[in-house]
Amino acid sequence: MKAGTASPRHEQTHHPSRGAGGARPVRTAGGGRRKREFTTRRGLVICAFTAPAVIFVAVFTYYPMVAGSQMAFRHWNLADLTDKSFVGLGNFQAVFDDPLWGTVLSNTALWVVASIVPQLVIGFALALWLRRRFRFRGLYQALIFFPWAISGFLIGILFRWMFNSEFGVVNDLLMKAHLIDEPVAWLADPKTAMVAIIVANIWYGVTFFAIMILAALQSIPDEIYEAAALDGAGKARTLFRITIPYIRATLALTVLLRVIWIFNFPDIIFGTTGGGPNNETHIVTTWMINITQQGDYGKASALGLLVVAGLLLFSVFYLTATRERGAKS
């Protein structure tokens, strides 16, 4: 063998794909790394990390739901805890036979419809305004979004003072504007009391629509509006042909969430009227809480199941209707 010629036995070749130990990583045909195989150990680790959350939700959410649901079919009253006999649909019949049932249903429908429509319209207008670029835009956004950070019960107390018949600011402003001649007892009459709590709910809920719609509007490319302007489209045509169709899904989902929220939102009513005067401003959820405070857990649970069933049916029909309408358009 010639000097200076390395023996093939001692020749070392280095491949860039090999690691320090000489083992090649397994790669797929596309060049990417192959996923690690699922093993029993990995499954136990995943279960160990997810177990606390699953247990927490099961104990504090699903168990109360099941326990409360079975109360609806039993005689469950704090006045006599020794009798927890099965009564079937007796608690549901008690709800339907209650004299307040009709008033509560009509109040709930008025509460939802009269709140959701102004909230949607005003929130949409504020979102369109906030989408434009102007000075102190961030400050205006903070002021508009501020009510959403306040407790609903505190808002109810605030509006109770504002609608006070003796020293409320609402009567003072109306009298200075010569719209009324004497103070109005807003919270003493069922009709005006409903107006007061609806006004408070509108003020509180406008922020939610403004936040959701503004986020959707910011996803619309400016090029679409520029093209519409070049085609000579006016503001109304741009609104109904571009803006609303583009954010239709967000609008539908926001309205559904807000309907469910308003239906289950007793905070403002408790802070303002407490369901009065004479239980005439109760909605379904405030009436259910009132029945619970009276100790009739069976009747309250039956009313709660009716609320869940009603909202579930409404959600199914609403989503079906909006999906079909979106598909046709």
Protein backbone atom coordinates (compact mmCIF):
# COMPACT_ATOMS: atom_id res chain seq x y z
CA MET A 1 0.00 0.00 0.00
CA LYS A 2 1.34 3.36 -0.95
CA ALA A 3 2.30 5.88 1.64
CA GLY A 4 -0.20 8.64 2.12
CA THR A 5 -3.06 6.48 0.93
CA ALA A 6 -5.70 5.97 3.59
CA SER A 7 -7.04 2.49 4.13
CA PRO A 8 -10.75 2.04 3.41
CA ARG A 9 -11.04 0.39 6.81
CA HIS A 10 -9.94 3.58 8.58
CA GLU A 11 -11.76 5.95 6.29
CA GLN A 12 -14.51 7.86 8.13
CA THR A 13 -17.34 9.45 6.27
CA HIS A 14 -19.63 12.06 7.80
CA HIS A 15 -23.26 12.38 6.74
CA PRO A 16 -24.99 15.67 7.62
CA SER A 17 -28.23 13.93 8.48
CA ARG A 18 -26.66 11.83 11.23
CA GLY A 19 -26.55 12.95 14.77
CA ALA A 20 -23.78 12.71 17.29
CA GLY A 21 -24.64 9.09 17.98
CA GLY A 22 -24.85 8.18 14.34
CA ALA A 23 -28.61 7.49 14.46
CA ARG A 24 -30.71 9.01 11.74
CA PRO A 25 -34.02 10.69 12.68
CA VAL A 26 -36.99 9.04 11.04
CA ARG A 27 -38.45 11.18 8.29
CA THR A 28 -41.56 10.85 6.19
CA ALA A 29 -41.67 10.82 2.40
CA GLY A 30 -42.41 14.56 2.36
CA GLY A 31 -39.35 15.39 4.40
CA GLY A 32 -41.16 16.06 7.67
CA ARG A 33 -40.60 14.23 10.93
CA ARG A 34 -42.87 11.31 11.71
CA LYS A 35 -45.22 11.82 14.67
CA ARG A 36 -44.42 10.00 17.84
CA GLU A 37 -46.45 6.88 18.38
CA PHE A 38 -49.18 6.99 21.02
CA THR A 39 -48.21 4.86 24.00
CA THR A 40 -49.90 3.91 27.25
CA ARG A 41 -47.52 6.15 29.17
CA ARG A 42 -48.39 9.16 27.06
CA GLY A 43 -52.08 8.43 27.53
CA LEU A 44 -51.68 8.29 31.31
CA VAL A 45 -49.81 11.61 31.29
CA ILE A 46 -52.59 13.25 29.26
CA CYS A 47 -55.22 11.85 31.62
CA ALA A 48 -53.28 13.09 34.65
CA PHE A 49 -53.18 16.64 33.31
CA THR A 50 -56.83 16.75 32.22
CA ALA A 51 -58.27 14.97 35.29
CA PRO A 52 -58.40 18.07 37.57
CA ALA A 53 -60.37 20.09 35.03
CA VAL A 54 -62.73 17.20 34.27
CA ILE A 55 -63.37 16.56 37.96
CA PHE A 56 -63.93 20.25 38.67
CA VAL A 57 -66.48 20.62 35.86
CA ALA A 58 -68.22 17.37 36.80
CA VAL A 59 -68.55 18.28 40.48
CA PHE A 60 -69.49 21.94 40.14
CA THR A 61 -71.46 21.88 36.86
CA TYR A 62 -72.89 18.53 35.84
CA TYR A 63 -73.67 17.15 39.29
CA PRO A 64 -75.71 20.25 40.30
CA MET A 65 -77.53 20.05 36.96
CA VAL A 66 -78.50 16.42 37.49
CA ALA A 67 -79.38 16.95 41.16
CA GLY A 68 -81.46 20.03 40.38
CA SER A 69 -83.25 18.28 37.52
CA GLN A 70 -84.40 15.38 39.67
CA MET A 71 -85.83 17.89 42.19
CA ALA A 72 -88.34 18.94 39.52
CA PHE A 73 -90.06 15.55 39.82
CA ARG A 74 -90.15 15.38 43.61
CA HIS A 75 -91.86 17.16 46.49
CA TRP A 76 -88.85 19.18 47.57
CA ASN A 77 -89.81 21.98 49.96
CA LEU A 78 -87.81 23.46 52.81
CA ALA A 79 -90.97 23.59 54.88
CA ASP A 80 -91.03 19.78 55.04
CA LEU A 81 -87.73 18.07 54.24
CA THR A 82 -89.02 14.71 55.47
CA ASP A 83 -91.25 14.39 52.40
CA LYS A 84 -89.28 14.00 49.18
CA SER A 85 -91.75 11.80 47.43
CA PHE A 86 -91.96 11.45 43.66
CA VAL A 87 -94.71 13.69 42.25
CA GLY A 88 -94.13 13.22 38.52
CA LEU A 89 -95.26 16.30 36.58
CA GLY A 90 -96.94 17.85 39.61
CA ASN A 91 -94.40 20.66 39.93
CA PHE A 92 -94.80 21.56 36.26
CA GLN A 93 -98.57 21.67 36.72
CA ALA A 94 -98.07 23.98 39.71
CA VAL A 95 -96.05 26.34 37.52
CA PHE A 96 -98.74 26.45 34.83
CA ASP A 97 -101.54 26.92 37.39
CA ASP A 98 -99.83 29.82 39.14
CA PRO A 99 -101.66 33.15 38.57
CA LEU A 100 -98.33 34.87 37.80
CA TRP A 101 -97.44 32.49 34.96
CA GLY A 102 -99.13 34.53 32.23
CA THR A 103 -97.73 37.83 33.51
CA VAL A 104 -94.24 36.38 33.76
CA LEU A 105 -94.34 35.03 30.20
CA SER A 106 -95.54 38.33 28.72
CA ASN A 107 -92.97 40.28 30.74
CA THR A 108 -90.20 37.95 29.57
CA ALA A 109 -91.16 38.34 25.91
CA LEU A 110 -91.34 42.14 26.27
CA TRP A 111 -88.07 42.19 28.21
CA VAL A 112 -86.19 40.26 25.50
CA VAL A 113 -87.65 41.88 22.36
CA ALA A 114 -87.69 45.49 23.63
CA SER A 115 -84.09 45.13 24.80
CA ILE A 116 -82.51 43.26 21.90
CA VAL A 117 -83.75 45.46 19.03
CA PRO A 118 -82.44 48.83 20.35
CA GLN A 119 -79.23 47.19 21.49
CA LEU A 120 -78.61 45.81 18.01
CA VAL A 121 -79.42 49.07 16.21
CA ILE A 122 -77.47 51.36 18.55
CA GLY A 123 -74.57 48.93 18.86
CA PHE A 124 -74.35 48.60 15.06
CA ALA A 125 -74.31 52.39 14.65
CA LEU A 126 -71.59 52.80 17.29
CA ALA A 127 -69.50 50.05 15.65
CA LEU A 128 -69.74 51.75 12.26
CA TRP A 129 -68.71 55.05 13.84
CA LEU A 130 -65.78 53.54 15.75
CA ARG A 131 -64.48 51.79 12.62
CA ARG A 132 -63.55 55.15 11.14
CA ARG A 133 -60.22 56.73 11.98
CA PHE A 134 -60.47 59.95 13.99
CA ARG A 135 -58.77 61.72 16.83
CA PHE A 136 -59.14 60.24 20.36
CA ARG A 137 -60.70 57.12 18.88
CA GLY A 138 -59.23 54.92 21.61
CA LEU A 139 -60.68 57.15 24.33
CA TYR A 140 -64.17 56.93 22.84
CA GLN A 141 -63.87 53.15 22.58
CA ALA A 142 -62.93 52.93 26.26
CA LEU A 143 -65.89 55.11 27.29
CA ILE A 144 -68.34 53.08 25.20
CA PHE A 145 -67.02 49.72 26.40
CA PHE A 146 -66.92 50.82 30.06
CA PRO A 147 -70.49 49.72 31.02
CA TRP A 148 -69.63 46.10 30.19
CA ALA A 149 -67.13 46.08 33.09
CA ILE A 150 -69.78 47.01 35.67
CA SER A 151 -71.90 44.50 37.55
CA GLY A 152 -75.49 44.23 36.34
CA PHE A 153 -76.79 44.46 39.90
CA LEU A 154 -74.89 47.72 40.46
CA ILE A 155 -76.34 49.09 37.24
CA GLY A 156 -79.79 48.22 38.56
CA ILE A 157 -79.13 50.15 41.77
CA LEU A 158 -77.79 53.08 39.76
CA PHE A 159 -80.93 53.28 37.62
CA ARG A 160 -83.14 52.84 40.68
CA TRP A 161 -81.72 56.09 42.02
CA MET A 162 -81.97 57.75 38.61
CA PHE A 163 -85.68 56.86 38.31
CA ASN A 164 -86.46 57.82 41.90
CA SER A 165 -89.71 59.83 42.01
CA GLU A 166 -88.44 62.39 44.54
CA PHE A 167 -84.81 63.19 43.66
CA GLY A 168 -84.11 61.13 40.53
CA VAL A 169 -82.17 62.75 37.70
CA VAL A 170 -84.59 61.42 35.06
CA ASN A 171 -87.55 63.37 36.42
CA ASP A 172 -85.35 66.44 36.89
CA LEU A 173 -84.21 66.40 33.25
CA LEU A 174 -87.71 65.77 31.91
CA MET A 175 -89.17 68.60 33.97
CA LYS A 176 -86.43 71.01 32.84
CA ALA A 177 -87.18 70.03 29.24
CA HIS A 178 -90.90 70.70 29.93
CA LEU A 179 -91.84 67.16 28.89
CA ILE A 180 -93.60 66.46 32.21
CA ASP A 181 -95.26 68.81 34.69
CA GLU A 182 -94.72 66.78 37.86
CA PRO A 183 -92.44 63.93 38.96
CA VAL A 184 -93.38 60.48 37.71
CA ALA A 185 -93.27 57.50 40.08
CA TRP A 186 -91.47 55.31 37.55
CA LEU A 187 -90.92 52.29 39.76
CA ALA A 188 -94.34 52.37 41.47
CA ASP A 189 -96.39 51.58 38.35
CA PRO A 190 -95.86 48.21 36.59
CA LYS A 191 -95.92 49.75 33.10
CA THR A 192 -93.41 52.52 33.80
CA ALA A 193 -91.33 50.12 35.90
CA MET A 194 -90.93 47.83 32.88
CA VAL A 195 -89.86 50.84 30.83
CA ALA A 196 -87.25 51.72 33.43
CA ILE A 197 -85.64 48.29 33.60
CA ILE A 198 -85.68 47.94 29.80
CA VAL A 199 -83.91 51.32 29.44
CA ALA A 200 -81.29 50.18 31.95
CA ASN A 201 -80.79 46.90 30.07
CA ILE A 202 -80.46 48.69 26.74
CA TRP A 203 -77.76 50.96 28.15
CA TYR A 204 -75.91 47.94 29.52
CA GLY A 205 -76.18 45.67 26.47
CA VAL A 206 -75.30 48.14 23.70
CA THR A 207 -71.64 47.64 24.55
CA PHE A 208 -71.73 43.92 23.77
CA PHE A 209 -73.09 44.50 20.27
CA ALA A 210 -70.61 47.32 19.67
CA ILE A 211 -67.66 45.12 20.64
CA MET A 212 -68.72 42.10 18.56
CA ILE A 213 -69.77 44.05 15.49
CA LEU A 214 -66.69 46.28 15.54
CA ALA A 215 -64.47 43.20 15.59
CA ALA A 216 -66.34 41.81 12.59
CA LEU A 217 -66.21 45.12 10.70
CA GLN A 218 -62.45 45.33 11.09
CA SER A 219 -62.13 42.04 9.18
CA ILE A 220 -63.69 43.56 6.03
CA PRO A 221 -60.93 44.55 3.56
CA ASP A 222 -60.83 48.24 2.67
CA GLU A 223 -60.41 47.31 -0.99
CA ILE A 224 -64.03 46.16 -1.11
CA TYR A 225 -65.28 49.57 -0.02
CA GLU A 226 -62.92 51.29 -2.44
CA ALA A 227 -64.24 49.19 -5.31
CA ALA A 228 -67.83 49.95 -4.27
CA ALA A 229 -67.06 53.68 -4.19
CA LEU A 230 -65.57 53.50 -7.70
CA ASP A 231 -68.75 51.78 -8.89
CA GLY A 232 -70.80 54.66 -7.50
CA ALA A 233 -72.43 52.76 -4.60
CA GLY A 234 -73.94 55.02 -1.96
CA LYS A 235 -73.78 54.55 1.82
CA ALA A 236 -77.10 52.71 2.06
CA ARG A 237 -76.27 50.35 -0.80
CA THR A 238 -72.81 49.68 0.64
CA LEU A 239 -74.33 48.93 4.02
CA PHE A 240 -76.94 46.45 2.78
CA ARG A 241 -74.95 44.92 -0.10
CA ILE A 242 -71.48 44.69 1.44
CA THR A 243 -71.28 45.32 5.18
CA ILE A 244 -74.28 43.36 6.45
CA PRO A 245 -73.81 40.32 4.14
CA TYR A 246 -70.10 40.17 5.03
CA ILE A 247 -70.75 40.01 8.80
CA ARG A 248 -74.05 38.10 8.63
CA ALA A 249 -72.70 35.12 10.58
CA THR A 250 -71.38 37.35 13.37
CA LEU A 251 -74.67 39.21 13.60
CA ALA A 252 -76.67 35.98 13.81
CA LEU A 253 -74.45 34.51 16.50
CA THR A 254 -74.35 37.75 18.50
CA VAL A 255 -78.14 38.08 18.48
CA LEU A 256 -78.53 34.46 19.63
CA LEU A 257 -76.04 34.85 22.46
CA ARG A 258 -77.62 38.11 23.57
CA VAL A 259 -81.15 36.66 23.53
CA ILE A 260 -80.03 33.79 25.76
CA TRP A 261 -78.17 36.23 28.00
CA ILE A 262 -81.09 38.65 28.38
CA PHE A 263 -83.49 35.78 29.03
CA ASN A 264 -81.25 34.65 31.92
CA PHE A 265 -80.31 38.10 33.22
CA PRO A 266 -82.11 38.93 36.48
CA ASP A 267 -79.41 41.24 37.88
CA ILE A 268 -80.80 44.57 36.68
CA ILE A 269 -84.36 43.70 37.68
CA PHE A 270 -83.32 42.71 41.19
CA GLY A 271 -81.26 45.87 41.57
CA THR A 272 -84.03 48.13 40.24
CA THR A 273 -87.48 46.78 41.15
CA GLY A 274 -86.86 43.41 42.75
CA GLY A 275 -89.74 42.06 40.66
CA GLY A 276 -92.20 44.63 42.00
CA PRO A 277 -94.43 46.43 42.33
CA ASN A 278 -96.65 43.54 43.44
CA ASN A 279 -94.55 40.99 41.45
CA GLU A 280 -95.57 42.65 38.17
CA THR A 281 -92.08 43.08 36.69
CA HIS A 282 -90.89 39.51 37.18
CA ILE A 283 -89.42 37.62 34.24
CA VAL A 284 -88.97 33.85 34.23
CA THR A 285 -85.54 33.83 35.87
CA THR A 286 -86.35 36.38 38.59
CA TRP A 287 -89.58 34.53 39.37
CA MET A 288 -87.64 31.27 39.61
CA ILE A 289 -85.23 32.84 42.10
CA ASN A 290 -88.18 34.22 44.07
CA ILE A 291 -89.75 30.75 44.25
CA THR A 292 -86.43 29.35 45.44
CA GLN A 293 -86.25 31.96 48.19
CA GLN A 294 -89.71 30.81 49.30
CA GLY A 295 -88.30 27.31 49.78
CA ASP A 296 -90.18 25.49 47.00
CA TYR A 297 -87.20 23.90 45.27
CA GLY A 298 -89.31 21.40 43.35
CA LYS A 299 -91.37 24.10 41.62
CA ALA A 300 -88.29 26.23 40.97
CA SER A 301 -86.45 23.27 39.42
CA ALA A 302 -89.42 22.53 37.18
CA LEU A 303 -89.42 26.15 36.02
CA GLY A 304 -85.67 25.92 35.38
CA LEU A 305 -86.14 22.86 33.16
CA LEU A 306 -88.81 24.73 31.22
CA VAL A 307 -86.37 27.60 30.69
CA VAL A 308 -83.65 25.25 29.43
CA ALA A 309 -86.05 23.43 27.10
CA GLY A 310 -87.45 26.71 25.73
CA LEU A 311 -84.00 28.19 25.05
CA LEU A 312 -82.83 24.94 23.45
CA LEU A 313 -85.79 24.85 21.06
CA PHE A 314 -85.38 28.52 20.24
CA SER A 315 -81.66 28.06 19.52
CA VAL A 316 -82.32 25.11 17.19
CA PHE A 317 -85.02 26.94 15.20
CA TYR A 318 -83.03 30.17 15.10
CA LEU A 319 -79.83 28.55 13.86
CA THR A 320 -81.78 26.55 11.29
CA ALA A 321 -83.58 29.65 10.00
CA THR A 322 -80.45 31.80 9.81
CA ARG A 323 -78.45 29.05 8.12
CA GLU A 324 -81.12 28.51 5.45
CA ARG A 325 -81.41 32.23 4.88
CA GLY A 326 -77.64 32.55 4.55
CA ALA A 327 -77.51 29.64 2.10
CA LYS A 328 -80.25 31.14 -0.11
CA SER A 329 -78.59 34.53 -0.17
